[in-house]
């Protein structure tokens, strides 16, 4: 993976973390889905690259030291529809 791809994957992972761990008063679950659904649709058009992205996100999960963030990252590939 290129540095750009890795950086974009990390940025996407951070977005998922922030959306998942946000207080429901800050961003509602419906608003979270409004943000995630277009990304999920785009990622579903990249089946092979999606698997590579899921692997990369799993690597990020192993680097997390905060248990709550780590759990969110572990779940991110499924959340993003990368695992069929």
PDB file of N, CA and C in Angstrom:
ATOM      1  N   UNK A   1       0.843  -1.184   0.000  1.00  0.00           N
ATOM      2  CA  UNK A   1       0.000   0.000   0.000  1.00  0.00           C
ATOM      3  C   UNK A   1       0.879   1.235   0.000  1.00  0.00           C
ATOM      4  N   UNK A   2       0.435   2.229  -0.716  1.00  0.00           N
ATOM      5  CA  UNK A   2       1.189   3.472  -0.765  1.00  0.00           C
ATOM      6  C   UNK A   2       0.957   4.275   0.518  1.00  0.00           C
ATOM      7  N   UNK A   3       1.784   5.261   0.705  1.00  0.00           N
ATOM      8  CA  UNK A   3       1.623   6.140   1.867  1.00  0.00           C
ATOM      9  C   UNK A   3       0.267   6.838   1.811  1.00  0.00           C
ATOM     10  N   UNK A   4      -0.142   7.251   0.625  1.00  0.00           N
ATOM     11  CA  UNK A   4      -1.440   7.911   0.472  1.00  0.00           C
ATOM     12  C   UNK A   4      -2.571   6.964   0.865  1.00  0.00           C
ATOM     13  N   UNK A   5      -2.542   5.737   0.378  1.00  0.00           N
ATOM     14  CA  UNK A   5      -3.589   4.771   0.698  1.00  0.00           C
ATOM     15  C   UNK A   5      -3.623   4.479   2.194  1.00  0.00           C
ATOM     16  N   UNK A   6      -2.457   4.330   2.780  1.00  0.00           N
ATOM     17  CA  UNK A   6      -2.381   4.058   4.220  1.00  0.00           C
ATOM     18  C   UNK A   6      -2.929   5.245   5.025  1.00  0.00           C
ATOM     19  N   UNK A   7      -2.582   6.445   4.617  1.00  0.00           N
ATOM     20  CA  UNK A   7      -3.051   7.646   5.307  1.00  0.00           C
ATOM     21  C   UNK A   7      -4.559   7.798   5.176  1.00  0.00           C
ATOM     22  N   UNK A   8      -5.091   7.552   3.984  1.00  0.00           N
ATOM     23  CA  UNK A   8      -6.541   7.639   3.787  1.00  0.00           C
ATOM     24  C   UNK A   8      -7.265   6.557   4.592  1.00  0.00           C
ATOM     25  N   UNK A   9      -6.695   5.372   4.666  1.00  0.00           N
ATOM     26  CA  UNK A   9      -7.290   4.300   5.466  1.00  0.00           C
ATOM     27  C   UNK A   9      -7.303   4.682   6.944  1.00  0.00           C
ATOM     28  N   UNK A  10      -6.218   5.273   7.407  1.00  0.00           N
ATOM     29  CA  UNK A  10      -6.142   5.709   8.809  1.00  0.00           C
ATOM     30  C   UNK A  10      -7.162   6.818   9.073  1.00  0.00           C
ATOM     31  N   UNK A  11      -7.294   7.753   8.128  1.00  0.00           N
ATOM     32  CA  UNK A  11      -8.266   8.836   8.282  1.00  0.00           C
ATOM     33  C   UNK A  11      -9.691   8.276   8.331  1.00  0.00           C
ATOM     34  N   UNK A  12      -9.994   7.329   7.463  1.00  0.00           N
ATOM     35  CA  UNK A  12     -11.312   6.696   7.469  1.00  0.00           C
ATOM     36  C   UNK A  12     -11.557   5.990   8.798  1.00  0.00           C
ATOM     37  N   UNK A  13     -10.557   5.315   9.293  1.00  0.00           N
ATOM     38  CA  UNK A  13     -10.667   4.624  10.573  1.00  0.00           C
ATOM     39  C   UNK A  13     -10.936   5.620  11.698  1.00  0.00           C
ATOM     40  N   UNK A  14     -10.253   6.746  11.679  1.00  0.00           N
ATOM     41  CA  UNK A  14     -10.466   7.775  12.710  1.00  0.00           C
ATOM     42  C   UNK A  14     -11.891   8.330  12.638  1.00  0.00           C
ATOM     43  N   UNK A  15     -12.429   8.485  11.439  1.00  0.00           N
ATOM     44  CA  UNK A  15     -13.808   8.962  11.288  1.00  0.00           C
ATOM     45  C   UNK A  15     -14.767   7.958  11.917  1.00  0.00           C
ATOM     46  N   UNK A  16     -14.559   6.682  11.623  1.00  0.00           N
ATOM     47  CA  UNK A  16     -15.420   5.646  12.197  1.00  0.00           C
ATOM     48  C   UNK A  16     -15.327   5.659  13.719  1.00  0.00           C
ATOM     49  N   UNK A  17     -14.128   5.796  14.241  1.00  0.00           N
ATOM     50  CA  UNK A  17     -13.944   5.836  15.699  1.00  0.00           C
ATOM     51  C   UNK A  17     -14.710   7.019  16.285  1.00  0.00           C
ATOM     52  N   UNK A  18     -14.524   8.197  15.720  1.00  0.00           N
ATOM     53  CA  UNK A  18     -15.168   9.393  16.269  1.00  0.00           C
ATOM     54  C   UNK A  18     -16.687   9.292  16.195  1.00  0.00           C
ATOM     55  N   UNK A  19     -17.204   8.774  15.085  1.00  0.00           N
ATOM     56  CA  UNK A  19     -18.655   8.621  14.960  1.00  0.00           C
ATOM     57  C   UNK A  19     -19.189   7.606  15.967  1.00  0.00           C
ATOM     58  N   UNK A  20     -18.483   6.506  16.120  1.00  0.00           N
ATOM     59  CA  UNK A  20     -18.940   5.450  17.010  1.00  0.00           C
ATOM     60  C   UNK A  20     -18.881   5.859  18.475  1.00  0.00           C
ATOM     61  N   UNK A  21     -17.843   6.579  18.840  1.00  0.00           N
ATOM     62  CA  UNK A  21     -17.656   6.921  20.250  1.00  0.00           C
ATOM     63  C   UNK A  21     -18.258   8.264  20.648  1.00  0.00           C
ATOM     64  N   UNK A  22     -18.853   8.963  19.697  1.00  0.00           N
ATOM     65  CA  UNK A  22     -19.492  10.246  20.007  1.00  0.00           C
ATOM     66  C   UNK A  22     -20.737  10.020  20.851  1.00  0.00           C
ATOM     67  N   UNK A  23     -20.967  10.958  21.733  1.00  0.00           N
ATOM     68  CA  UNK A  23     -22.189  10.946  22.521  1.00  0.00           C
ATOM     69  C   UNK A  23     -23.377  11.113  21.569  1.00  0.00           C
ATOM     70  N   UNK A  24     -24.458  10.376  21.813  1.00  0.00           N
ATOM     71  CA  UNK A  24     -25.634  10.463  20.944  1.00  0.00           C
ATOM     72  C   UNK A  24     -26.219  11.870  20.895  1.00  0.00           C
ATOM     73  N   UNK A  25     -25.926  12.692  21.902  1.00  0.00           N
ATOM     74  CA  UNK A  25     -26.375  14.084  21.862  1.00  0.00           C
ATOM     75  C   UNK A  25     -25.530  14.909  20.909  1.00  0.00           C
ATOM     76  N   UNK A  26     -24.281  14.506  20.698  1.00  0.00           N
ATOM     77  CA  UNK A  26     -23.388  15.234  19.795  1.00  0.00           C
ATOM     78  C   UNK A  26     -23.688  14.886  18.342  1.00  0.00           C
ATOM     79  N   UNK A  27     -23.872  13.615  18.060  1.00  0.00           N
ATOM     80  CA  UNK A  27     -24.238  13.163  16.714  1.00  0.00           C
ATOM     81  C   UNK A  27     -25.150  11.954  16.877  1.00  0.00           C
ATOM     82  N   UNK A  28     -26.333  12.067  16.359  1.00  0.00           N
ATOM     83  CA  UNK A  28     -27.322  11.001  16.535  1.00  0.00           C
ATOM     84  C   UNK A  28     -26.934   9.775  15.713  1.00  0.00           C
ATOM     85  N   UNK A  29     -27.439   8.613  16.090  1.00  0.00           N
ATOM     86  CA  UNK A  29     -27.186   7.413  15.287  1.00  0.00           C
ATOM     87  C   UNK A  29     -27.645   7.579  13.833  1.00  0.00           C
ATOM     88  N   UNK A  30     -28.758   8.280  13.627  1.00  0.00           N
ATOM     89  CA  UNK A  30     -29.223   8.523  12.250  1.00  0.00           C
ATOM     90  C   UNK A  30     -28.230   9.378  11.476  1.00  0.00           C
ATOM     91  N   UNK A  31     -27.685  10.399  12.121  1.00  0.00           N
ATOM     92  CA  UNK A  31     -26.690  11.255  11.461  1.00  0.00           C
ATOM     93  C   UNK A  31     -25.416  10.460  11.166  1.00  0.00           C
ATOM     94  N   UNK A  32     -25.049   9.579  12.080  1.00  0.00           N
ATOM     95  CA  UNK A  32     -23.882   8.725  11.852  1.00  0.00           C
ATOM     96  C   UNK A  32     -24.085   7.890  10.597  1.00  0.00           C
ATOM     97  N   UNK A  33     -25.252   7.298  10.456  1.00  0.00           N
ATOM     98  CA  UNK A  33     -25.523   6.474   9.276  1.00  0.00           C
ATOM     99  C   UNK A  33     -25.556   7.314   8.000  1.00  0.00           C
ATOM    100  N   UNK A  34     -26.019   8.551   8.094  1.00  0.00           N
ATOM    101  CA  UNK A  34     -26.006   9.430   6.920  1.00  0.00           C
ATOM    102  C   UNK A  34     -24.582   9.690   6.434  1.00  0.00           C
ATOM    103  N   UNK A  35     -23.646   9.716   7.365  1.00  0.00           N
ATOM    104  CA  UNK A  35     -22.236   9.893   7.007  1.00  0.00           C
ATOM    105  C   UNK A  35     -21.655   8.587   6.460  1.00  0.00           C
ATOM    106  N   UNK A  36     -21.959   7.482   7.116  1.00  0.00           N
ATOM    107  CA  UNK A  36     -21.351   6.207   6.757  1.00  0.00           C
ATOM    108  C   UNK A  36     -21.917   5.571   5.489  1.00  0.00           C
ATOM    109  N   UNK A  37     -23.208   5.701   5.248  1.00  0.00           N
ATOM    110  CA  UNK A  37     -23.830   5.000   4.120  1.00  0.00           C
ATOM    111  C   UNK A  37     -23.182   5.308   2.763  1.00  0.00           C
ATOM    112  N   UNK A  38     -22.888   6.574   2.432  1.00  0.00           N
ATOM    113  CA  UNK A  38     -22.230   6.809   1.143  1.00  0.00           C
ATOM    114  C   UNK A  38     -20.835   6.177   1.068  1.00  0.00           C
ATOM    115  N   UNK A  39     -20.110   6.172   2.171  1.00  0.00           N
ATOM    116  CA  UNK A  39     -18.786   5.540   2.188  1.00  0.00           C
ATOM    117  C   UNK A  39     -18.912   4.037   1.996  1.00  0.00           C
ATOM    118  N   UNK A  40     -19.885   3.440   2.664  1.00  0.00           N
ATOM    119  CA  UNK A  40     -20.109   2.003   2.543  1.00  0.00           C
ATOM    120  C   UNK A  40     -20.432   1.648   1.099  1.00  0.00           C
ATOM    121  N   UNK A  41     -21.287   2.444   0.463  1.00  0.00           N
ATOM    122  CA  UNK A  41     -21.657   2.185  -0.939  1.00  0.00           C
ATOM    123  C   UNK A  41     -20.430   2.265  -1.848  1.00  0.00           C
ATOM    124  N   UNK A  42     -19.580   3.244  -1.634  1.00  0.00           N
ATOM    125  CA  UNK A  42     -18.367   3.371  -2.451  1.00  0.00           C
ATOM    126  C   UNK A  42     -17.423   2.195  -2.235  1.00  0.00           C
ATOM    127  N   UNK A  43     -17.264   1.782  -0.997  1.00  0.00           N
ATOM    128  CA  UNK A  43     -16.340   0.693  -0.681  1.00  0.00           C
ATOM    129  C   UNK A  43     -16.826  -0.646  -1.228  1.00  0.00           C
ATOM    130  N   UNK A  44     -18.135  -0.820  -1.337  1.00  0.00           N
ATOM    131  CA  UNK A  44     -18.668  -2.072  -1.869  1.00  0.00           C
ATOM    132  C   UNK A  44     -18.340  -2.247  -3.347  1.00  0.00           C
ATOM    133  N   UNK A  45     -17.986  -1.167  -4.030  1.00  0.00           N
ATOM    134  CA  UNK A  45     -17.594  -1.245  -5.438  1.00  0.00           C
ATOM    135  C   UNK A  45     -16.143  -1.677  -5.612  1.00  0.00           C
ATOM    136  N   UNK A  46     -15.434  -1.899  -4.507  1.00  0.00           N
ATOM    137  CA  UNK A  46     -14.016  -2.260  -4.547  1.00  0.00           C
ATOM    138  C   UNK A  46     -13.780  -3.564  -3.784  1.00  0.00           C
ATOM    139  N   UNK A  47     -14.312  -4.691  -4.267  1.00  0.00           N
ATOM    140  CA  UNK A  47     -14.232  -5.911  -3.456  1.00  0.00           C
ATOM    141  C   UNK A  47     -12.806  -6.342  -3.102  1.00  0.00           C
ATOM    142  N   UNK A  48     -11.896  -6.388  -4.062  1.00  0.00           N
ATOM    143  CA  UNK A  48     -10.526  -6.825  -3.750  1.00  0.00           C
ATOM    144  C   UNK A  48      -9.801  -5.810  -2.879  1.00  0.00           C
ATOM    145  N   UNK A  49      -9.924  -4.537  -3.235  1.00  0.00           N
ATOM    146  CA  UNK A  49      -9.275  -3.499  -2.446  1.00  0.00           C
ATOM    147  C   UNK A  49      -9.923  -3.385  -1.074  1.00  0.00           C
ATOM    148  N   UNK A  50     -11.207  -3.712  -0.994  1.00  0.00           N
ATOM    149  CA  UNK A  50     -11.900  -3.681   0.283  1.00  0.00           C
ATOM    150  C   UNK A  50     -11.316  -4.678   1.264  1.00  0.00           C
ATOM    151  N   UNK A  51     -10.935  -5.841   0.766  1.00  0.00           N
ATOM    152  CA  UNK A  51     -10.302  -6.838   1.635  1.00  0.00           C
ATOM    153  C   UNK A  51      -8.942  -6.345   2.115  1.00  0.00           C
ATOM    154  N   UNK A  52      -8.198  -5.701   1.223  1.00  0.00           N
ATOM    155  CA  UNK A  52      -6.898  -5.133   1.617  1.00  0.00           C
ATOM    156  C   UNK A  52      -7.104  -4.042   2.665  1.00  0.00           C
ATOM    157  N   UNK A  53      -8.149  -3.231   2.484  1.00  0.00           N
ATOM    158  CA  UNK A  53      -8.464  -2.176   3.452  1.00  0.00           C
ATOM    159  C   UNK A  53      -8.843  -2.788   4.798  1.00  0.00           C
ATOM    160  N   UNK A  54      -9.631  -3.858   4.771  1.00  0.00           N
ATOM    161  CA  UNK A  54     -10.016  -4.531   6.016  1.00  0.00           C
ATOM    162  C   UNK A  54      -8.780  -5.049   6.745  1.00  0.00           C
ATOM    163  N   UNK A  55      -7.836  -5.609   6.003  1.00  0.00           N
ATOM    164  CA  UNK A  55      -6.593  -6.089   6.615  1.00  0.00           C
ATOM    165  C   UNK A  55      -5.809  -4.944   7.245  1.00  0.00           C
ATOM    166  N   UNK A  56      -5.747  -3.826   6.545  1.00  0.00           N
ATOM    167  CA  UNK A  56      -5.020  -2.670   7.056  1.00  0.00           C
ATOM    168  C   UNK A  56      -5.680  -2.130   8.319  1.00  0.00           C
ATOM    169  N   UNK A  57      -6.997  -2.047   8.316  1.00  0.00           N
ATOM    170  CA  UNK A  57      -7.714  -1.580   9.499  1.00  0.00           C
ATOM    171  C   UNK A  57      -7.462  -2.531  10.669  1.00  0.00           C
ATOM    172  N   UNK A  58      -7.388  -3.813  10.399  1.00  0.00           N
ATOM    173  CA  UNK A  58      -7.074  -4.782  11.460  1.00  0.00           C
ATOM    174  C   UNK A  58      -5.692  -4.523  12.048  1.00  0.00           C
ATOM    175  N   UNK A  59      -4.754  -4.120  11.200  1.00  0.00           N
ATOM    176  CA  UNK A  59      -3.426  -3.755  11.694  1.00  0.00           C
ATOM    177  C   UNK A  59      -3.515  -2.545  12.621  1.00  0.00           C
ATOM    178  N   UNK A  60      -4.348  -1.578  12.237  1.00  0.00           N
ATOM    179  CA  UNK A  60      -4.530  -0.392  13.081  1.00  0.00           C
ATOM    180  C   UNK A  60      -5.093  -0.797  14.442  1.00  0.00           C
ATOM    181  N   UNK A  61      -5.989  -1.785  14.464  1.00  0.00           N
ATOM    182  CA  UNK A  61      -6.597  -2.234  15.721  1.00  0.00           C
ATOM    183  C   UNK A  61      -5.528  -2.747  16.686  1.00  0.00           C
ATOM    184  N   UNK A  62      -4.540  -3.442  16.157  1.00  0.00           N
ATOM    185  CA  UNK A  62      -3.474  -3.973  17.009  1.00  0.00           C
ATOM    186  C   UNK A  62      -2.586  -2.868  17.573  1.00  0.00           C
ATOM    187  N   UNK A  63      -2.603  -1.705  16.940  1.00  0.00           N
ATOM    188  CA  UNK A  63      -1.783  -0.579  17.401  1.00  0.00           C
ATOM    189  C   UNK A  63      -2.495   0.264  18.456  1.00  0.00           C
ATOM    190  N   UNK A  64      -3.798   0.092  18.577  1.00  0.00           N
ATOM    191  CA  UNK A  64      -4.582   0.879  19.533  1.00  0.00           C
ATOM    192  C   UNK A  64      -4.292   0.424  20.960  1.00  0.00           C
ATOM    193  N   UNK A  65      -4.110   1.384  21.837  1.00  0.00           N
ATOM    194  CA  UNK A  65      -3.878   1.063  23.245  1.00  0.00           C
ATOM    195  C   UNK A  65      -5.125   1.278  24.099  1.00  0.00           C
ATOM    196  N   UNK A  66      -6.056   2.087  23.614  1.00  0.00           N
ATOM    197  CA  UNK A  66      -7.299   2.335  24.336  1.00  0.00           C
ATOM    198  C   UNK A  66      -8.287   1.213  23.979  1.00  0.00           C
ATOM    199  N   UNK A  67      -8.767   0.461  24.965  1.00  0.00           N
ATOM    200  CA  UNK A  67      -9.640  -0.687  24.678  1.00  0.00           C
ATOM    201  C   UNK A  67     -10.928  -0.317  23.920  1.00  0.00           C
ATOM    202  N   UNK A  68     -11.509   0.823  24.254  1.00  0.00           N
ATOM    203  CA  UNK A  68     -12.748   1.229  23.595  1.00  0.00           C
ATOM    204  C   UNK A  68     -12.499   1.552  22.123  1.00  0.00           C
ATOM    205  N   UNK A  69     -11.428   2.288  21.857  1.00  0.00           N
ATOM    206  CA  UNK A  69     -11.064   2.603  20.471  1.00  0.00           C
ATOM    207  C   UNK A  69     -10.686   1.321  19.718  1.00  0.00           C
ATOM    208  N   UNK A  70      -9.968   0.435  20.397  1.00  0.00           N
ATOM    209  CA  UNK A  70      -9.542  -0.810  19.754  1.00  0.00           C
ATOM    210  C   UNK A  70     -10.752  -1.633  19.323  1.00  0.00           C
ATOM    211  N   UNK A  71     -11.750  -1.747  20.182  1.00  0.00           N
ATOM    212  CA  UNK A  71     -12.945  -2.501  19.838  1.00  0.00           C
ATOM    213  C   UNK A  71     -13.646  -1.887  18.629  1.00  0.00           C
ATOM    214  N   UNK A  72     -13.739  -0.575  18.597  1.00  0.00           N
ATOM    215  CA  UNK A  72     -14.359   0.101  17.457  1.00  0.00           C
ATOM    216  C   UNK A  72     -13.592  -0.200  16.172  1.00  0.00           C
ATOM    217  N   UNK A  73     -12.256  -0.177  16.247  1.00  0.00           N
ATOM    218  CA  UNK A  73     -11.446  -0.440  15.059  1.00  0.00           C
ATOM    219  C   UNK A  73     -11.591  -1.901  14.633  1.00  0.00           C
ATOM    220  N   UNK A  74     -11.647  -2.816  15.578  1.00  0.00           N
ATOM    221  CA  UNK A  74     -11.847  -4.227  15.249  1.00  0.00           C
ATOM    222  C   UNK A  74     -13.156  -4.411  14.488  1.00  0.00           C
ATOM    223  N   UNK A  75     -14.185  -3.676  14.883  1.00  0.00           N
ATOM    224  CA  UNK A  75     -15.499  -3.784  14.256  1.00  0.00           C
ATOM    225  C   UNK A  75     -15.629  -2.966  12.971  1.00  0.00           C
ATOM    226  N   UNK A  76     -14.687  -2.063  12.714  1.00  0.00           N
ATOM    227  CA  UNK A  76     -14.794  -1.149  11.575  1.00  0.00           C
ATOM    228  C   UNK A  76     -14.936  -1.837  10.222  1.00  0.00           C
ATOM    229  N   UNK A  77     -14.171  -2.887   9.907  1.00  0.00           N
ATOM    230  CA  UNK A  77     -14.352  -3.514   8.602  1.00  0.00           C
ATOM    231  C   UNK A  77     -15.792  -4.007   8.374  1.00  0.00           C
ATOM    232  N   UNK A  78     -16.395  -4.564   9.414  1.00  0.00           N
ATOM    233  CA  UNK A  78     -17.794  -5.008   9.282  1.00  0.00           C
ATOM    234  C   UNK A  78     -18.715  -3.803   9.171  1.00  0.00           C
ATOM    235  N   UNK A  79     -18.466  -2.781   9.981  1.00  0.00           N
ATOM    236  CA  UNK A  79     -19.271  -1.559   9.930  1.00  0.00           C
ATOM    237  C   UNK A  79     -19.258  -0.946   8.538  1.00  0.00           C
ATOM    238  N   UNK A  80     -18.109  -0.994   7.892  1.00  0.00           N
ATOM    239  CA  UNK A  80     -17.946  -0.394   6.563  1.00  0.00           C
ATOM    240  C   UNK A  80     -18.342  -1.336   5.430  1.00  0.00           C
ATOM    241  N   UNK A  81     -18.843  -2.503   5.767  1.00  0.00           N
ATOM    242  CA  UNK A  81     -19.298  -3.447   4.747  1.00  0.00           C
ATOM    243  C   UNK A  81     -18.169  -4.103   3.974  1.00  0.00           C
ATOM    244  N   UNK A  82     -16.979  -4.142   4.561  1.00  0.00           N
ATOM    245  CA  UNK A  82     -15.832  -4.720   3.860  1.00  0.00           C
ATOM    246  C   UNK A  82     -15.800  -6.242   3.963  1.00  0.00           C
ATOM    247  N   UNK A  83     -16.503  -6.776   4.941  1.00  0.00           N
ATOM    248  CA  UNK A  83     -16.538  -8.237   5.139  1.00  0.00           C
ATOM    249  C   UNK A  83     -17.922  -8.734   4.773  1.00  0.00           C
ATOM    250  N   UNK A  84     -17.985  -9.473   3.707  1.00  0.00           N
ATOM    251  CA  UNK A  84     -19.299  -9.953   3.224  1.00  0.00           C
ATOM    252  C   UNK A  84     -19.713 -11.219   3.929  1.00  0.00           C
TER     253      UNK A  84
END
